C-alpha atoms as a PDB file:
ATOM      1  CA  MET A   1     -43.423 -25.906  25.122  1.00  0.00           C
ATOM      2  CA  VAL A   2     -44.333 -26.417  21.609  1.00  0.00           C
ATOM      3  CA  LEU A   3     -41.544 -24.682  20.975  1.00  0.00           C
ATOM      4  CA  ARG A   4     -38.788 -26.384  22.118  1.00  0.00           C
ATOM      5  CA  LYS A   5     -40.156 -30.371  20.919  1.00  0.00           C
ATOM      6  CA  LEU A   6     -40.397 -28.468  17.338  1.00  0.00           C
ATOM      7  CA  SER A   7     -36.209 -27.377  18.223  1.00  0.00           C
ATOM      8  CA  ALA A   8     -35.455 -30.758  19.392  1.00  0.00           C
ATOM      9  CA  ALA A   9     -37.142 -32.401  16.057  1.00  0.00           C
ATOM     10  CA  ALA A  10     -34.882 -30.084  13.680  1.00  0.00           C
ATOM     11  CA  ILE A  11     -31.865 -30.321  16.001  1.00  0.00           C
ATOM     12  CA  GLY A  12     -32.608 -34.555  15.798  1.00  0.00           C
ATOM     13  CA  LEU A  13     -33.308 -33.924  11.655  1.00  0.00           C
ATOM     14  CA  SER A  14     -30.474 -31.858  11.276  1.00  0.00           C
ATOM     15  CA  THR A  15     -28.442 -34.587  13.067  1.00  0.00           C
ATOM     16  CA  VAL A  16     -29.939 -37.299  10.807  1.00  0.00           C
ATOM     17  CA  VAL A  17     -28.688 -35.690   7.618  1.00  0.00           C
ATOM     18  CA  GLY A  18     -25.372 -34.444   9.032  1.00  0.00           C
ATOM     19  CA  LEU A  19     -25.001 -38.114   9.539  1.00  0.00           C
ATOM     20  CA  SER A  20     -26.102 -39.238   6.634  1.00  0.00           C
ATOM     21  CA  ALA A  21     -23.663 -36.937   4.412  1.00  0.00           C
ATOM     22  CA  CYS A  22     -20.995 -38.227   6.247  1.00  0.00           C
ATOM     23  CA  ALA A  23     -21.252 -41.621   4.968  1.00  0.00           C
ATOM     24  CA  PRO A  24     -18.174 -42.858   2.838  1.00  0.00           C
ATOM     25  CA  VAL A  25     -18.488 -42.116  -1.110  1.00  0.00           C
ATOM     26  CA  VAL A  26     -17.183 -44.876  -3.107  1.00  0.00           C
ATOM     27  CA  VAL A  27     -14.456 -43.317  -5.042  1.00  0.00           C
ATOM     28  CA  VAL A  28     -15.210 -44.693  -9.024  1.00  0.00           C
ATOM     29  CA  GLU A  29     -13.580 -43.784 -12.169  1.00  0.00           C
ATOM     30  CA  PRO A  30     -16.134 -41.854 -14.623  1.00  0.00           C
ATOM     31  CA  GLN A  31     -16.421 -43.669 -17.972  1.00  0.00           C
ATOM     32  CA  PRO A  32     -15.504 -42.094 -21.067  1.00  0.00           C
ATOM     33  CA  HIS A  33     -19.235 -41.393 -22.322  1.00  0.00           C
ATOM     34  CA  ALA A  34     -20.587 -41.134 -18.553  1.00  0.00           C
ATOM     35  CA  THR A  35     -22.650 -38.366 -19.784  1.00  0.00           C
ATOM     36  CA  ASP A  36     -24.744 -40.356 -22.517  1.00  0.00           C
ATOM     37  CA  PRO A  37     -28.400 -40.101 -21.537  1.00  0.00           C
ATOM     38  CA  ALA A  38     -28.740 -43.297 -22.407  1.00  0.00           C
ATOM     39  CA  CYS A  39     -26.647 -44.321 -18.599  1.00  0.00           C
ATOM     40  CA  ALA A  40     -29.140 -41.523 -17.296  1.00  0.00           C
ATOM     41  CA  ASP A  41     -32.008 -44.236 -18.196  1.00  0.00           C
ATOM     42  CA  VAL A  42     -29.830 -47.114 -16.864  1.00  0.00           C
ATOM     43  CA  MET A  43     -28.985 -44.888 -13.149  1.00  0.00           C
ATOM     44  CA  LEU A  44     -33.082 -44.201 -12.863  1.00  0.00           C
ATOM     45  CA  ARG A  45     -33.402 -48.060 -13.175  1.00  0.00           C
ATOM     46  CA  LEU A  46     -30.754 -49.630 -10.685  1.00  0.00           C
ATOM     47  CA  PRO A  47     -31.583 -52.082  -7.785  1.00  0.00           C
ATOM     48  CA  GLU A  48     -31.258 -50.605  -3.911  1.00  0.00           C
ATOM     49  CA  VAL A  49     -30.212 -54.094  -2.806  1.00  0.00           C
ATOM     50  CA  ILE A  50     -28.319 -56.821  -4.807  1.00  0.00           C
ATOM     51  CA  GLY A  51     -27.961 -60.223  -2.867  1.00  0.00           C
ATOM     52  CA  GLU A  52     -27.192 -58.480   0.731  1.00  0.00           C
ATOM     53  CA  HIS A  53     -25.176 -55.703  -0.460  1.00  0.00           C
ATOM     54  CA  GLU A  54     -26.933 -52.211  -0.256  1.00  0.00           C
ATOM     55  CA  LYS A  55     -26.551 -49.503  -2.989  1.00  0.00           C
ATOM     56  CA  ARG A  56     -24.116 -46.566  -1.626  1.00  0.00           C
ATOM     57  CA  ARG A  57     -23.082 -43.604  -3.102  1.00  0.00           C
ATOM     58  CA  ALA A  58     -20.631 -43.080  -5.733  1.00  0.00           C
ATOM     59  CA  SER A  59     -18.350 -40.467  -6.535  1.00  0.00           C
ATOM     60  CA  SER A  60     -18.765 -40.336 -10.098  1.00  0.00           C
ATOM     61  CA  GLN A  61     -21.501 -39.629 -12.829  1.00  0.00           C
ATOM     62  CA  ALA A  62     -23.254 -42.886 -14.484  1.00  0.00           C
ATOM     63  CA  THR A  63     -21.625 -44.749 -11.744  1.00  0.00           C
ATOM     64  CA  ALA A  64     -22.927 -47.341  -8.340  1.00  0.00           C
ATOM     65  CA  ALA A  65     -21.672 -49.577  -5.827  1.00  0.00           C
ATOM     66  CA  TRP A  66     -23.036 -52.269  -3.601  1.00  0.00           C
ATOM     67  CA  GLY A  67     -21.836 -53.085  -0.395  1.00  0.00           C
ATOM     68  CA  ASP A  68     -19.404 -52.222   2.514  1.00  0.00           C
ATOM     69  CA  PRO A  69     -16.597 -52.620   1.191  1.00  0.00           C
ATOM     70  CA  SER A  70     -18.060 -52.636  -2.538  1.00  0.00           C
ATOM     71  CA  ALA A  71     -18.584 -56.163  -3.450  1.00  0.00           C
ATOM     72  CA  VAL A  72     -20.504 -54.774  -7.159  1.00  0.00           C
ATOM     73  CA  VAL A  73     -19.262 -51.329  -8.568  1.00  0.00           C
ATOM     74  CA  LEU A  74     -21.452 -50.207 -12.098  1.00  0.00           C
ATOM     75  CA  ARG A  75     -19.797 -47.775 -14.714  1.00  0.00           C
ATOM     76  CA  CYS A  76     -21.997 -46.638 -17.730  1.00  0.00           C
ATOM     77  CA  GLY A  77     -20.773 -44.826 -20.511  1.00  0.00           C
ATOM     78  CA  GLY A  78     -17.569 -47.530 -22.038  1.00  0.00           C
ATOM     79  CA  GLU A  79     -16.763 -47.666 -25.881  1.00  0.00           C
ATOM     80  CA  MET A  80     -19.130 -50.929 -26.953  1.00  0.00           C
ATOM     81  CA  PRO A  81     -16.556 -53.700 -26.745  1.00  0.00           C
ATOM     82  CA  ALA A  82     -15.185 -54.819 -30.188  1.00  0.00           C
ATOM     83  CA  PRO A  83     -15.570 -58.520 -30.799  1.00  0.00           C
ATOM     84  CA  SER A  84     -13.482 -60.829 -28.852  1.00  0.00           C
ATOM     85  CA  THR A  85     -12.576 -64.048 -28.129  1.00  0.00           C
ATOM     86  CA  ASP A  86     -13.443 -63.464 -24.760  1.00  0.00           C
ATOM     87  CA  HIS A  87     -15.804 -65.749 -22.826  1.00  0.00           C
ATOM     88  CA  CYS A  88     -19.410 -64.035 -23.165  1.00  0.00           C
ATOM     89  CA  VAL A  89     -22.376 -64.966 -20.841  1.00  0.00           C
ATOM     90  CA  ARG A  90     -26.380 -63.756 -21.641  1.00  0.00           C
ATOM     91  CA  THR A  91     -28.224 -63.030 -18.558  1.00  0.00           C
ATOM     92  CA  ASP A  92     -31.624 -62.231 -18.961  1.00  0.00           C
ATOM     93  CA  ASP A  93     -31.435 -60.825 -22.676  1.00  0.00           C
ATOM     94  CA  VAL A  94     -28.353 -58.991 -22.344  1.00  0.00           C
ATOM     95  CA  ASP A  95     -24.945 -59.961 -23.376  1.00  0.00           C
ATOM     96  CA  TRP A  96     -22.148 -59.807 -20.752  1.00  0.00           C
ATOM     97  CA  VAL A  97     -18.341 -60.181 -21.795  1.00  0.00           C
ATOM     98  CA  SER A  98     -16.271 -61.540 -18.929  1.00  0.00           C
ATOM     99  CA  ARG A  99     -12.807 -60.796 -17.532  1.00  0.00           C
ATOM    100  CA  GLU A 100     -10.857 -62.283 -14.841  1.00  0.00           C
ATOM    101  CA  GLY A 101      -8.981 -59.193 -13.032  1.00  0.00           C
ATOM    102  CA  GLU A 102      -6.694 -59.640 -10.235  1.00  0.00           C
ATOM    103  CA  GLY A 103      -7.462 -61.758  -7.250  1.00  0.00           C
ATOM    104  CA  ASP A 104     -10.775 -62.207  -6.572  1.00  0.00           C
ATOM    105  CA  THR A 105     -12.218 -59.710  -8.776  1.00  0.00           C
ATOM    106  CA  TRP A 106     -14.389 -59.979 -12.026  1.00  0.00           C
ATOM    107  CA  THR A 107     -15.103 -57.180 -14.806  1.00  0.00           C
ATOM    108  CA  PHE A 108     -18.203 -58.419 -16.904  1.00  0.00           C
ATOM    109  CA  GLU A 109     -18.926 -55.429 -19.647  1.00  0.00           C
ATOM    110  CA  SER A 110     -21.939 -55.619 -21.945  1.00  0.00           C
ATOM    111  CA  TYR A 111     -21.483 -56.563 -25.062  1.00  0.00           C
ATOM    112  CA  GLY A 112     -23.538 -55.323 -28.620  1.00  0.00           C
ATOM    113  CA  ARG A 113     -24.943 -52.101 -26.064  1.00  0.00           C
ATOM    114  CA  SER A 114     -23.959 -48.201 -26.771  1.00  0.00           C
ATOM    115  CA  PRO A 115     -22.397 -46.979 -24.775  1.00  0.00           C
ATOM    116  CA  SER A 116     -21.398 -50.334 -22.627  1.00  0.00           C
ATOM    117  CA  VAL A 117     -22.360 -50.618 -18.907  1.00  0.00           C
ATOM    118  CA  GLU A 118     -19.531 -52.617 -16.830  1.00  0.00           C
ATOM    119  CA  ILE A 119     -19.503 -54.374 -13.765  1.00  0.00           C
ATOM    120  CA  THR A 120     -16.440 -55.202 -11.440  1.00  0.00           C
ATOM    121  CA  LEU A 121     -17.478 -57.971  -8.682  1.00  0.00           C
ATOM    122  CA  ASP A 122     -15.738 -58.662  -5.569  1.00  0.00           C
ATOM    123  CA  THR A 123     -16.590 -62.766  -6.071  1.00  0.00           C
ATOM    124  CA  THR A 124     -15.285 -63.202  -2.100  1.00  0.00           C
ATOM    125  CA  GLN A 125     -18.485 -61.444  -1.494  1.00  0.00           C
ATOM    126  CA  ALA A 126     -20.839 -61.250  -4.857  1.00  0.00           C
ATOM    127  CA  ALA A 127     -22.053 -64.659  -7.037  1.00  0.00           C
ATOM    128  CA  GLY A 128     -21.707 -63.084 -10.290  1.00  0.00           C
ATOM    129  CA  ALA A 129     -25.067 -64.262 -11.447  1.00  0.00           C
ATOM    130  CA  GLU A 130     -26.757 -62.515  -9.217  1.00  0.00           C
ATOM    131  CA  ALA A 131     -25.409 -59.639  -9.862  1.00  0.00           C
ATOM    132  CA  LEU A 132     -25.649 -59.492 -13.562  1.00  0.00           C
ATOM    133  CA  SER A 133     -29.196 -60.522 -13.178  1.00  0.00           C
ATOM    134  CA  ALA A 134     -30.363 -57.523 -10.793  1.00  0.00           C
ATOM    135  CA  LEU A 135     -28.522 -55.269 -13.173  1.00  0.00           C
ATOM    136  CA  SER A 136     -29.696 -56.977 -16.220  1.00  0.00           C
ATOM    137  CA  ALA A 137     -33.123 -54.991 -16.243  1.00  0.00           C
ATOM    138  CA  ALA A 138     -31.344 -51.440 -16.053  1.00  0.00           C
ATOM    139  CA  VAL A 139     -28.775 -52.554 -19.201  1.00  0.00           C
ATOM    140  CA  LYS A 140     -31.391 -53.168 -21.123  1.00  0.00           C
ATOM    141  CA  GLN A 141     -32.583 -49.423 -21.505  1.00  0.00           C
ATOM    142  CA  ILE A 142     -29.690 -49.103 -23.883  1.00  0.00           C
ATOM    143  CA  GLU A 143     -31.024 -50.736 -27.112  1.00  0.00           C
ATOM    144  CA  ALA A 144     -28.761 -54.143 -28.366  1.00  0.00           C
ATOM    145  CA  GLN A 145     -26.818 -53.057 -31.487  1.00  0.00           C
ATOM    146  CA  ARG A 146     -25.032 -56.924 -31.429  1.00  0.00           C
ATOM    147  CA  GLU A 147     -25.270 -60.112 -29.996  1.00  0.00           C
ATOM    148  CA  CYS A 148     -22.592 -62.534 -29.075  1.00  0.00           C
ATOM    149  CA  VAL A 149     -21.819 -65.424 -31.587  1.00  0.00           C
ATOM    150  CA  GLY A 150     -20.272 -68.514 -30.824  1.00  0.00           C
ATOM    151  CA  ALA A 151     -17.326 -70.585 -32.839  1.00  0.00           C
ATOM    152  CA  GLU A 152     -20.739 -72.700 -34.086  1.00  0.00           C
ATOM    153  CA  ASP A 153     -22.201 -69.286 -35.525  1.00  0.00           C
ATOM    154  CA  VAL A 154     -19.312 -68.429 -37.941  1.00  0.00           C
ATOM    155  CA  GLY A 155     -18.373 -71.704 -39.105  1.00  0.00           C
ATOM    156  CA  GLY A 156     -15.825 -72.770 -36.571  1.00  0.00           C
ATOM    157  CA  LYS A 157     -15.292 -75.646 -34.627  1.00  0.00           C
ATOM    158  CA  ALA A 158     -17.007 -75.636 -31.866  1.00  0.00           C
ATOM    159  CA  GLU A 159     -14.934 -76.923 -28.347  1.00  0.00           C
ATOM    160  CA  GLY A 160     -16.781 -79.566 -26.504  1.00  0.00           C
END
């Protein structure tokens, strides 16, 4: 009788493990410096949930995704972005350069940190401010070497 119960428990456990192994993996292209040890520090501190979106397995090193379908995708290991005129926002002491993508997507890339961290989000499913706030604590593991500046900081005329 005890043997039957143990066998049933083992079968049940292997079924659960097998089913979770079949969950779809999000295919994400890695950044060129995904093996940088700083990315490992970031990955260890990522939240399990962003808003209502749970973290999912991603296919490549130093990548992560939240939501099904993916609402937020993170890739660590990019080149530090050069200074640009792209819009920059600061969230929880992390500067992010924002770029509008195709359709309803936006990409945010950490500025002044090497390696950089890129976040792509679907604005129909996730708010940029919420995602950046949830991820900034992890990204702060990479030391800031520069910060965004505005036109008024470099002697230009600020728009207003």
